[in-house]
Amino acid sequence: MTIKTFSLGGDLAINRLGFGAMRLAMGTFDGPPRAPESGIAVLRRAVELGVNHIDTAGFYGRGEVRANELIRTALAPYRDDLVIATKVGPLLGSDGVPSEQATPDQLRGLVESDLRSLGLDRLDLVYLRVGGMTGPGGESIAERFAVLAELREEGLIRHLGVSNVDAVQFAEARTIAPVAAVQNQHAGEMGLLAECAEAGIAYVPYFPLGGGGNPLDAERLGKVAVRLGATTAQVQIASLLAMSPSVLAIPGTGSLDHLEENLGADDLNLSDEDLFELRG
């Protein structure tokens, strides 16, 4: 039987197939803004279809269209079972791309800004997102993560996560405060994934449908999709969820049609043969 839920931080039951909010406001970081009405419709439909985990960030937006404001407009007052995760750390440069990093002194302001824009008294999950658009590693995260740990102690944050980290940074964070989730680009970091699974920590691959220099293997996905009567996107999402009960998927879209397609992966069961073919 496929395990479809996960206990985030040991006390928040969420569906493993959630929704990423990055594409609500724009298709890409440097693309034009989408119509706010489209994002609002997508969010409301996502919740209708059973999504209760939305991943967002204060820097998700273009111009006046911001993901957090769309979430608040569409879904507040929030359902009791809805979990909203956000990320702090990146700062938008003059070109609108999150190319700069916040200092420890700036993190409180970013958390408080997310609270205001989402209309919440406490954030369910806050990731410290480190590094730029490149891979993880090469810097200490202790001072910045300690700031978020203090905010957790104050009651502004329920659970903490880390994003774009390597094993050393992950271990460093865990010496400071409990880590409930890791959000990294690549799902193939099996050592880190295994460590998360053993500790009951969620592992959340971002760009689950490709992007960020990590294209999908369309040929392998296509073969399995044809056999199952599914789409390549559905097979990709299902293959991520099949990696481990600790993996959460957060495909994002600004399209109602793509939303319906992505969430259809929840009913797709991959056989051992399918998984062998997908993983080579």
Protein backbone atom coordinates (compact mmCIF):
# COMPACT_ATOMS: atom_id res chain seq x y z
CA MET A 1 0.00 0.00 0.00
CA THR A 2 1.29 3.46 -0.90
CA ILE A 3 1.85 5.68 2.14
CA LYS A 4 0.23 8.98 1.21
CA THR A 5 0.71 11.03 4.37
CA PHE A 6 3.66 12.20 6.46
CA SER A 7 3.90 13.48 10.02
CA LEU A 8 5.86 16.71 9.67
CA GLY A 9 7.82 17.43 12.82
CA GLY A 10 5.92 14.60 14.47
CA ASP A 11 2.72 16.63 14.90
CA LEU A 12 1.48 17.91 11.54
CA ALA A 13 -0.17 15.32 9.31
CA ILE A 14 0.17 16.32 5.66
CA ASN A 15 -0.40 14.71 2.30
CA ARG A 16 2.90 13.82 0.67
CA LEU A 17 1.78 15.38 -2.60
CA GLY A 18 1.60 19.11 -1.96
CA PHE A 19 1.87 22.30 -3.96
CA GLY A 20 4.75 24.67 -4.69
CA ALA A 21 3.76 28.32 -5.00
CA MET A 22 6.72 29.68 -6.98
CA ARG A 23 4.90 29.68 -10.34
CA LEU A 24 1.72 31.30 -9.06
CA ALA A 25 2.98 34.82 -9.63
CA MET A 26 5.24 34.22 -12.63
CA GLY A 27 6.40 31.43 -14.90
CA THR A 28 10.07 32.13 -14.18
CA PHE A 29 11.93 34.54 -11.89
CA ASP A 30 12.64 36.87 -14.81
CA GLY A 31 9.34 36.37 -16.64
CA PRO A 32 6.25 38.59 -16.68
CA PRO A 33 3.71 38.39 -13.84
CA ARG A 34 0.66 36.17 -14.16
CA ALA A 35 -2.87 37.41 -13.65
CA PRO A 36 -3.63 37.23 -9.90
CA GLU A 37 -7.04 35.68 -10.61
CA SER A 38 -5.34 32.62 -12.13
CA GLY A 39 -3.21 31.99 -9.06
CA ILE A 40 -6.18 32.39 -6.73
CA ALA A 41 -8.20 29.89 -8.76
CA VAL A 42 -5.32 27.38 -8.77
CA LEU A 43 -4.87 27.61 -5.00
CA ARG A 44 -8.56 27.13 -4.25
CA ARG A 45 -8.76 24.15 -6.58
CA ALA A 46 -5.61 22.61 -5.08
CA VAL A 47 -7.15 22.65 -1.61
CA GLU A 48 -10.42 21.25 -3.01
CA LEU A 49 -8.43 18.34 -4.44
CA GLY A 50 -6.84 17.50 -1.09
CA VAL A 51 -3.65 19.53 -0.95
CA ASN A 52 -2.85 20.53 2.63
CA HIS A 53 0.83 21.44 2.27
CA ILE A 54 1.75 24.62 0.38
CA ASP A 55 5.37 25.64 -0.06
CA THR A 56 5.98 29.36 -0.60
CA ALA A 57 8.48 32.17 0.02
CA GLY A 58 8.40 35.92 0.42
CA PHE A 59 10.63 36.30 -2.63
CA TYR A 60 8.17 34.41 -4.88
CA GLY A 61 6.67 37.17 -6.95
CA ARG A 62 6.93 39.54 -9.84
CA GLY A 63 6.03 43.18 -9.62
CA GLU A 64 2.87 43.60 -7.57
CA VAL A 65 1.90 39.93 -7.84
CA ARG A 66 3.23 38.04 -4.79
CA ALA A 67 2.66 34.40 -3.94
CA ASN A 68 2.06 35.01 -0.23
CA GLU A 69 -0.63 37.60 -0.89
CA LEU A 70 -2.31 35.25 -3.38
CA ILE A 71 -2.34 32.49 -0.77
CA ARG A 72 -3.89 34.77 1.84
CA THR A 73 -6.50 36.11 -0.59
CA ALA A 74 -7.43 32.66 -1.85
CA LEU A 75 -7.42 30.62 1.35
CA ALA A 76 -7.73 32.78 4.48
CA PRO A 77 -9.21 32.08 6.92
CA TYR A 78 -7.15 28.92 6.62
CA ARG A 79 -8.38 25.40 7.21
CA ASP A 80 -7.09 23.86 10.42
CA ASP A 81 -5.27 21.10 8.54
CA LEU A 82 -3.48 23.39 6.05
CA VAL A 83 0.30 23.57 6.52
CA ILE A 84 2.13 26.50 4.95
CA ALA A 85 5.92 26.28 4.60
CA THR A 86 8.05 29.26 3.70
CA LYS A 87 11.74 30.03 3.13
CA VAL A 88 13.94 32.89 4.25
CA GLY A 89 17.50 33.76 3.35
CA PRO A 90 17.50 34.88 -0.29
CA LEU A 91 17.08 38.57 -1.08
CA LEU A 92 15.91 39.94 -4.40
CA GLY A 93 18.49 41.85 -6.41
CA SER A 94 17.73 44.88 -8.55
CA ASP A 95 16.77 42.56 -11.41
CA GLY A 96 14.09 40.83 -9.34
CA VAL A 97 16.08 37.59 -9.04
CA PRO A 98 16.88 36.21 -5.53
CA SER A 99 20.62 36.52 -6.01
CA GLU A 100 21.65 37.90 -2.61
CA GLN A 101 21.67 36.42 0.91
CA ALA A 102 20.30 37.92 4.09
CA THR A 103 22.57 38.48 7.05
CA PRO A 104 21.61 37.00 10.44
CA ASP A 105 20.33 40.45 11.51
CA GLN A 106 17.90 40.52 8.58
CA LEU A 107 16.24 37.14 9.16
CA ARG A 108 13.81 38.27 11.86
CA GLY A 109 12.45 40.94 9.54
CA LEU A 110 11.96 38.38 6.77
CA VAL A 111 10.06 36.03 9.09
CA GLU A 112 7.88 38.88 10.36
CA SER A 113 7.20 39.94 6.76
CA ASP A 114 6.01 36.41 5.91
CA LEU A 115 3.74 36.42 8.96
CA ARG A 116 2.16 39.68 7.84
CA SER A 117 1.78 38.80 4.16
CA LEU A 118 0.27 35.39 4.94
CA GLY A 119 -1.89 36.72 7.77
CA LEU A 120 -0.57 34.27 10.35
CA ASP A 121 0.48 34.47 13.99
CA ARG A 122 2.86 31.53 13.61
CA LEU A 123 4.51 29.92 10.59
CA ASP A 124 4.18 26.14 10.40
CA LEU A 125 7.57 25.53 8.77
CA VAL A 126 10.38 27.92 7.92
CA TYR A 127 13.39 26.82 5.90
CA LEU A 128 16.70 28.57 6.03
CA ARG A 129 17.56 28.69 2.31
CA VAL A 130 21.32 29.08 1.91
CA GLY A 131 23.59 29.71 -1.05
CA GLY A 132 22.70 31.22 -4.38
CA MET A 133 21.45 29.43 -7.47
CA THR A 134 24.38 27.01 -7.29
CA GLY A 135 24.69 23.79 -5.33
CA PRO A 136 25.03 23.49 -1.55
CA GLY A 137 28.09 23.58 0.67
CA GLY A 138 31.05 25.79 1.39
CA GLU A 139 29.74 27.97 4.21
CA SER A 140 28.62 27.71 7.81
CA ILE A 141 24.91 28.15 8.48
CA ALA A 142 25.13 28.08 12.27
CA GLU A 143 24.71 31.79 12.98
CA ARG A 144 21.73 32.18 10.67
CA PHE A 145 20.03 28.98 11.78
CA ALA A 146 20.45 30.01 15.41
CA VAL A 147 18.40 33.15 14.68
CA LEU A 148 15.52 31.01 13.39
CA ALA A 149 15.88 28.73 16.41
CA GLU A 150 15.37 31.78 18.65
CA LEU A 151 12.25 32.74 16.73
CA ARG A 152 10.98 29.20 17.18
CA GLU A 153 11.50 29.50 20.92
CA GLU A 154 9.52 32.76 20.85
CA GLY A 155 6.61 30.96 19.21
CA LEU A 156 6.77 32.65 15.80
CA ILE A 157 7.77 29.40 14.08
CA ARG A 158 6.50 25.90 14.73
CA HIS A 159 9.11 23.83 12.86
CA LEU A 160 12.43 24.54 11.17
CA GLY A 161 13.92 23.29 7.94
CA VAL A 162 17.04 23.78 5.83
CA SER A 163 17.28 24.16 2.07
CA ASN A 164 20.12 23.77 -0.44
CA VAL A 165 22.41 22.15 2.13
CA ASP A 166 24.99 19.40 2.12
CA ALA A 167 25.49 16.76 4.82
CA VAL A 168 27.87 18.98 6.82
CA GLN A 169 25.45 21.90 6.90
CA PHE A 170 22.56 19.57 7.75
CA ALA A 171 24.50 18.17 10.70
CA GLU A 172 25.48 21.69 11.81
CA ALA A 173 21.83 22.76 11.89
CA ARG A 174 20.80 19.71 13.92
CA THR A 175 23.24 20.63 16.68
CA ILE A 176 21.35 23.92 17.11
CA ALA A 177 17.66 22.97 16.88
CA PRO A 178 15.44 20.14 15.60
CA VAL A 179 15.17 20.00 11.81
CA ALA A 180 11.79 18.91 10.48
CA ALA A 181 12.50 19.08 6.74
CA VAL A 182 15.26 19.32 4.14
CA GLN A 183 14.51 20.93 0.78
CA ASN A 184 17.20 20.29 -1.84
CA GLN A 185 17.16 20.35 -5.60
CA HIS A 186 18.34 16.84 -6.29
CA ALA A 187 16.40 13.79 -5.19
CA GLY A 188 19.42 11.57 -5.85
CA GLU A 189 21.28 12.47 -2.66
CA MET A 190 20.60 9.04 -1.24
CA GLY A 191 22.85 9.36 1.80
CA LEU A 192 21.12 12.52 2.99
CA LEU A 193 17.72 11.10 2.12
CA ALA A 194 18.45 7.94 4.14
CA GLU A 195 19.55 10.03 7.12
CA CYS A 196 16.32 12.04 6.93
CA ALA A 197 14.19 8.91 6.67
CA GLU A 198 15.85 7.35 9.69
CA ALA A 199 15.28 10.49 11.76
CA GLY A 200 11.68 11.06 10.62
CA ILE A 201 12.66 14.21 8.73
CA ALA A 202 10.88 15.16 5.51
CA TYR A 203 12.94 15.34 2.32
CA VAL A 204 11.47 17.73 -0.24
CA PRO A 205 13.04 17.93 -3.72
CA TYR A 206 12.49 21.33 -5.32
CA PHE A 207 12.13 21.60 -9.10
CA PRO A 208 10.37 18.19 -8.94
CA LEU A 209 9.39 18.48 -12.61
CA GLY A 210 12.80 19.59 -13.83
CA GLY A 211 14.38 23.00 -14.07
CA GLY A 212 17.34 24.67 -12.46
CA GLY A 213 19.72 22.84 -14.78
CA ASN A 214 18.26 19.46 -13.81
CA PRO A 215 16.30 18.23 -16.86
CA LEU A 216 14.06 15.19 -16.70
CA ASP A 217 14.87 11.95 -18.51
CA ALA A 218 11.99 12.27 -20.96
CA GLU A 219 12.76 9.03 -22.76
CA ARG A 220 12.55 6.81 -19.67
CA LEU A 221 9.58 8.68 -18.26
CA GLY A 222 7.79 8.50 -21.59
CA LYS A 223 8.11 4.72 -21.88
CA VAL A 224 6.60 4.15 -18.46
CA ALA A 225 3.94 6.80 -19.04
CA VAL A 226 2.75 5.08 -22.23
CA ARG A 227 2.59 1.73 -20.44
CA LEU A 228 0.51 3.17 -17.59
CA GLY A 229 -1.65 5.53 -19.62
CA ALA A 230 -0.26 8.46 -17.65
CA THR A 231 1.69 11.63 -18.44
CA THR A 232 5.43 12.06 -17.98
CA ALA A 233 4.80 14.62 -15.25
CA GLN A 234 2.64 12.16 -13.33
CA VAL A 235 5.27 9.43 -13.63
CA GLN A 236 8.01 11.77 -12.44
CA ILE A 237 6.02 12.83 -9.38
CA ALA A 238 5.08 9.24 -8.57
CA SER A 239 8.71 8.13 -8.90
CA LEU A 240 9.79 10.77 -6.38
CA LEU A 241 7.16 9.65 -3.88
CA ALA A 242 8.26 6.03 -4.40
CA MET A 243 11.82 6.79 -3.32
CA SER A 244 10.98 6.90 0.39
CA PRO A 245 8.00 7.50 2.70
CA SER A 246 9.90 10.61 3.85
CA VAL A 247 9.85 12.25 0.41
CA LEU A 248 7.32 15.02 -0.17
CA ALA A 249 6.57 16.34 -3.65
CA ILE A 250 5.65 19.99 -4.26
CA PRO A 251 5.01 20.44 -8.00
CA GLY A 252 3.93 23.96 -8.80
CA THR A 253 1.97 25.53 -11.61
CA GLY A 254 -0.10 28.56 -12.50
CA SER A 255 -2.43 26.47 -14.67
CA LEU A 256 -5.59 24.68 -13.56
CA ASP A 257 -5.06 21.98 -16.19
CA HIS A 258 -1.51 21.30 -15.06
CA LEU A 259 -2.64 21.28 -11.45
CA GLU A 260 -5.20 18.55 -12.17
CA GLU A 261 -2.58 16.60 -14.10
CA ASN A 262 0.05 16.85 -11.36
CA LEU A 263 -2.30 15.83 -8.56
CA GLY A 264 -3.41 12.84 -10.62
CA ALA A 265 -0.03 11.33 -9.76
CA ASP A 266 -1.40 10.58 -6.29
CA ASP A 267 -3.36 7.67 -7.76
CA LEU A 268 -0.48 6.29 -9.84
CA ASN A 269 1.19 3.18 -8.46
CA LEU A 270 4.53 2.26 -10.01
CA SER A 271 5.55 -1.38 -10.16
CA ASP A 272 9.04 -2.66 -9.41
CA GLU A 273 9.49 -3.01 -13.18
CA ASP A 274 8.55 0.64 -13.68
CA LEU A 275 10.94 1.82 -10.99
CA PHE A 276 13.78 -0.32 -12.33
CA GLU A 277 13.33 1.18 -15.77
CA LEU A 278 13.15 4.73 -14.42
CA ARG A 279 16.25 4.39 -12.29
CA GLY A 280 18.29 2.40 -14.76
